[in-house]
Amino acid sequence: MQNTNLEYRVGYTPLSGRLYAGYLRKDNGKWEGSPHEVTDWAMFAVGQKLAREETDMLFPLPDGRVMRVSAVITDAETMEDANAQR
């Protein structure tokens, strides 16, 4: 039997800068059990999807601006050059 009071969520914690996934209670918004830290896997999966589909994702922000998320696959040498310029 499935608990309909639980909802699977992925959330961002600004304090740690990490992403967590797990079940939240719909009635009080608290984690049910321990959430799993999924930052690296989630970021990699989104990057793969965007790069493969050659598209960006656009998210409207409350202040009217738009956040654009994109990914590009490059050669390792290109990445080293970009890091050296920082």
N, C-alpha and C. Protein backbone atom coordinates (compact mmCIF):
# COMPACT_ATOMS: atom_id res chain seq x y z
N MET A 1 0.84 -1.19 0.00
CA MET A 1 0.00 0.00 0.00
C MET A 1 0.89 1.25 0.00
N GLN A 2 0.56 2.22 -0.81
CA GLN A 2 1.37 3.42 -0.97
C GLN A 2 0.85 4.54 -0.07
N ASN A 3 1.78 5.25 0.59
CA ASN A 3 1.41 6.38 1.45
C ASN A 3 1.21 7.61 0.56
N THR A 4 -0.02 8.08 0.45
CA THR A 4 -0.31 9.24 -0.41
C THR A 4 0.03 10.56 0.25
N ASN A 5 0.48 10.53 1.50
CA ASN A 5 0.87 11.75 2.20
C ASN A 5 2.34 12.09 1.94
N LEU A 6 3.04 11.24 1.18
CA LEU A 6 4.45 11.47 0.89
C LEU A 6 4.63 11.86 -0.58
N GLU A 7 5.60 12.74 -0.81
CA GLU A 7 5.90 13.19 -2.17
C GLU A 7 7.41 13.18 -2.35
N TYR A 8 7.91 12.59 -3.45
CA TYR A 8 9.34 12.55 -3.71
C TYR A 8 9.79 13.91 -4.21
N ARG A 9 10.83 14.45 -3.62
CA ARG A 9 11.30 15.79 -3.98
C ARG A 9 12.82 15.84 -4.06
N VAL A 10 13.31 16.79 -4.83
CA VAL A 10 14.72 17.14 -4.85
C VAL A 10 14.78 18.60 -4.42
N GLY A 11 15.63 18.90 -3.45
CA GLY A 11 15.71 20.27 -2.94
C GLY A 11 17.14 20.75 -2.81
N TYR A 12 17.30 22.06 -2.86
CA TYR A 12 18.60 22.72 -2.73
C TYR A 12 18.70 23.35 -1.36
N THR A 13 19.85 23.16 -0.72
CA THR A 13 20.09 23.76 0.59
C THR A 13 21.18 24.81 0.45
N PRO A 14 20.83 26.11 0.50
CA PRO A 14 21.83 27.17 0.33
C PRO A 14 22.95 27.11 1.37
N LEU A 15 22.66 26.66 2.56
CA LEU A 15 23.67 26.62 3.62
C LEU A 15 24.83 25.71 3.24
N SER A 16 24.53 24.54 2.68
CA SER A 16 25.59 23.60 2.30
C SER A 16 25.91 23.66 0.81
N GLY A 17 25.01 24.26 0.03
CA GLY A 17 25.20 24.30 -1.41
C GLY A 17 24.98 22.95 -2.08
N ARG A 18 24.29 22.06 -1.43
CA ARG A 18 24.09 20.70 -1.94
C ARG A 18 22.62 20.45 -2.29
N LEU A 19 22.40 19.42 -3.12
CA LEU A 19 21.06 18.97 -3.49
C LEU A 19 20.75 17.68 -2.73
N TYR A 20 19.52 17.58 -2.27
CA TYR A 20 19.08 16.38 -1.54
C TYR A 20 17.80 15.87 -2.16
N ALA A 21 17.63 14.54 -2.13
CA ALA A 21 16.42 13.91 -2.66
C ALA A 21 15.86 12.94 -1.63
N GLY A 22 14.55 12.88 -1.57
CA GLY A 22 13.90 11.96 -0.65
C GLY A 22 12.42 12.26 -0.58
N TYR A 23 11.77 11.65 0.39
CA TYR A 23 10.33 11.82 0.55
C TYR A 23 10.02 12.91 1.57
N LEU A 24 9.12 13.81 1.19
CA LEU A 24 8.62 14.86 2.08
C LEU A 24 7.17 14.58 2.41
N ARG A 25 6.81 14.92 3.63
CA ARG A 25 5.41 14.80 4.04
C ARG A 25 4.64 15.99 3.45
N LYS A 26 3.51 15.73 2.82
CA LYS A 26 2.69 16.80 2.25
C LYS A 26 2.05 17.67 3.32
N ASP A 27 1.79 17.09 4.49
CA ASP A 27 1.08 17.84 5.53
C ASP A 27 1.95 18.85 6.26
N ASN A 28 3.27 18.56 6.40
CA ASN A 28 4.10 19.50 7.15
C ASN A 28 5.40 19.89 6.43
N GLY A 29 5.67 19.30 5.27
CA GLY A 29 6.85 19.66 4.49
C GLY A 29 8.17 19.16 5.05
N LYS A 30 8.13 18.26 6.01
CA LYS A 30 9.36 17.73 6.62
C LYS A 30 9.77 16.44 5.93
N TRP A 31 11.10 16.20 5.93
CA TRP A 31 11.63 14.97 5.35
C TRP A 31 11.11 13.77 6.12
N GLU A 32 10.76 12.73 5.41
CA GLU A 32 10.38 11.44 6.00
C GLU A 32 11.59 10.53 5.84
N GLY A 33 12.23 10.18 6.94
CA GLY A 33 13.48 9.43 6.84
C GLY A 33 14.61 10.37 6.49
N SER A 34 15.72 9.81 6.05
CA SER A 34 16.89 10.62 5.72
C SER A 34 16.95 10.90 4.22
N PRO A 35 17.06 12.18 3.84
CA PRO A 35 17.22 12.49 2.42
C PRO A 35 18.63 12.08 1.96
N HIS A 36 18.77 11.83 0.68
CA HIS A 36 20.05 11.43 0.11
C HIS A 36 20.70 12.62 -0.58
N GLU A 37 22.01 12.80 -0.40
CA GLU A 37 22.75 13.86 -1.06
C GLU A 37 22.99 13.42 -2.50
N VAL A 38 22.52 14.21 -3.48
CA VAL A 38 22.56 13.81 -4.89
C VAL A 38 23.16 14.88 -5.81
N THR A 39 23.89 15.84 -5.25
CA THR A 39 24.35 16.99 -6.02
C THR A 39 25.10 16.61 -7.30
N ASP A 40 26.17 15.86 -7.17
CA ASP A 40 27.00 15.56 -8.33
C ASP A 40 26.25 14.75 -9.39
N TRP A 41 25.49 13.74 -8.96
CA TRP A 41 24.73 12.93 -9.91
C TRP A 41 23.65 13.75 -10.60
N ALA A 42 22.96 14.58 -9.86
CA ALA A 42 21.88 15.38 -10.45
C ALA A 42 22.44 16.39 -11.46
N MET A 43 23.52 17.06 -11.09
CA MET A 43 24.12 18.05 -12.00
C MET A 43 24.62 17.37 -13.28
N PHE A 44 25.25 16.21 -13.13
CA PHE A 44 25.76 15.48 -14.28
C PHE A 44 24.61 15.02 -15.19
N ALA A 45 23.54 14.52 -14.60
CA ALA A 45 22.39 14.05 -15.39
C ALA A 45 21.75 15.20 -16.17
N VAL A 46 21.59 16.35 -15.54
CA VAL A 46 21.02 17.52 -16.23
C VAL A 46 21.95 17.97 -17.35
N GLY A 47 23.25 18.00 -17.07
CA GLY A 47 24.22 18.37 -18.09
C GLY A 47 24.18 17.45 -19.30
N GLN A 48 24.10 16.14 -19.04
CA GLN A 48 24.01 15.17 -20.13
C GLN A 48 22.76 15.41 -20.98
N LYS A 49 21.64 15.60 -20.33
CA LYS A 49 20.37 15.80 -21.04
C LYS A 49 20.44 17.06 -21.92
N LEU A 50 20.89 18.16 -21.35
CA LEU A 50 20.93 19.42 -22.11
C LEU A 50 21.92 19.34 -23.27
N ALA A 51 23.09 18.75 -23.03
CA ALA A 51 24.09 18.65 -24.08
C ALA A 51 23.62 17.73 -25.20
N ARG A 52 23.03 16.60 -24.84
CA ARG A 52 22.56 15.65 -25.86
C ARG A 52 21.43 16.25 -26.70
N GLU A 53 20.52 16.97 -26.06
CA GLU A 53 19.39 17.55 -26.78
C GLU A 53 19.73 18.89 -27.42
N GLU A 54 20.94 19.40 -27.13
CA GLU A 54 21.40 20.69 -27.65
C GLU A 54 20.35 21.77 -27.42
N THR A 55 19.94 21.90 -26.17
CA THR A 55 18.91 22.88 -25.82
C THR A 55 19.26 23.52 -24.48
N ASP A 56 18.60 24.60 -24.18
CA ASP A 56 18.71 25.26 -22.88
C ASP A 56 17.39 25.08 -22.15
N MET A 57 17.42 25.23 -20.84
CA MET A 57 16.18 25.27 -20.05
C MET A 57 16.05 26.67 -19.50
N LEU A 58 14.86 27.23 -19.58
CA LEU A 58 14.59 28.58 -19.09
C LEU A 58 13.62 28.50 -17.92
N PHE A 59 13.98 29.19 -16.84
CA PHE A 59 13.15 29.20 -15.64
C PHE A 59 12.85 30.64 -15.25
N PRO A 60 11.57 31.04 -15.25
CA PRO A 60 11.23 32.41 -14.83
C PRO A 60 11.47 32.57 -13.33
N LEU A 61 12.01 33.71 -12.96
CA LEU A 61 12.28 34.04 -11.56
C LEU A 61 11.21 35.00 -11.04
N PRO A 62 11.00 35.02 -9.73
CA PRO A 62 9.95 35.89 -9.16
C PRO A 62 10.11 37.37 -9.51
N ASP A 63 11.35 37.83 -9.73
CA ASP A 63 11.56 39.25 -10.01
C ASP A 63 11.43 39.59 -11.50
N GLY A 64 11.00 38.61 -12.31
CA GLY A 64 10.79 38.87 -13.73
C GLY A 64 11.96 38.47 -14.62
N ARG A 65 13.13 38.24 -14.03
CA ARG A 65 14.26 37.79 -14.83
C ARG A 65 14.07 36.31 -15.18
N VAL A 66 14.95 35.80 -16.04
CA VAL A 66 14.89 34.39 -16.44
C VAL A 66 16.26 33.76 -16.21
N MET A 67 16.26 32.57 -15.61
CA MET A 67 17.50 31.82 -15.42
C MET A 67 17.61 30.83 -16.58
N ARG A 68 18.74 30.88 -17.30
CA ARG A 68 18.97 29.95 -18.40
C ARG A 68 20.04 28.94 -17.98
N VAL A 69 19.73 27.65 -18.14
CA VAL A 69 20.67 26.58 -17.82
C VAL A 69 21.03 25.89 -19.12
N SER A 70 22.34 25.74 -19.37
CA SER A 70 22.78 25.09 -20.60
C SER A 70 24.02 24.26 -20.31
N ALA A 71 24.37 23.38 -21.25
CA ALA A 71 25.56 22.55 -21.10
C ALA A 71 26.19 22.34 -22.47
N VAL A 72 27.52 22.32 -22.50
CA VAL A 72 28.27 22.09 -23.73
C VAL A 72 29.36 21.08 -23.42
N ILE A 73 29.53 20.09 -24.28
CA ILE A 73 30.61 19.12 -24.13
C ILE A 73 31.79 19.61 -24.95
N THR A 74 32.97 19.70 -24.32
CA THR A 74 34.18 20.18 -24.99
C THR A 74 35.31 19.18 -24.79
N ASP A 75 36.39 19.38 -25.54
CA ASP A 75 37.59 18.57 -25.34
C ASP A 75 38.25 18.96 -24.03
N ALA A 76 39.02 18.06 -23.45
CA ALA A 76 39.67 18.32 -22.17
C ALA A 76 40.61 19.52 -22.26
N GLU A 77 41.30 19.68 -23.39
CA GLU A 77 42.23 20.80 -23.55
C GLU A 77 41.49 22.14 -23.48
N THR A 78 40.30 22.20 -24.05
CA THR A 78 39.50 23.42 -24.03
C THR A 78 39.16 23.80 -22.59
N MET A 79 38.85 22.82 -21.78
CA MET A 79 38.50 23.06 -20.38
C MET A 79 39.72 23.57 -19.61
N GLU A 80 40.88 22.99 -19.87
CA GLU A 80 42.10 23.44 -19.20
C GLU A 80 42.41 24.88 -19.55
N ASP A 81 42.22 25.26 -20.82
CA ASP A 81 42.45 26.64 -21.25
C ASP A 81 41.49 27.60 -20.56
N ALA A 82 40.24 27.21 -20.44
CA ALA A 82 39.23 28.06 -19.79
C ALA A 82 39.57 28.26 -18.32
N ASN A 83 40.02 27.21 -17.63
CA ASN A 83 40.38 27.33 -16.22
C ASN A 83 41.61 28.20 -16.04
N ALA A 84 42.55 28.16 -16.97
CA ALA A 84 43.77 28.96 -16.87
C ALA A 84 43.47 30.44 -17.03
N GLN A 85 42.40 30.79 -17.74
CA GLN A 85 42.04 32.19 -17.98
C GLN A 85 41.32 32.82 -16.80
N ARG A 86 40.91 32.04 -15.83
CA ARG A 86 40.17 32.58 -14.68
C ARG A 86 41.08 33.30 -13.73
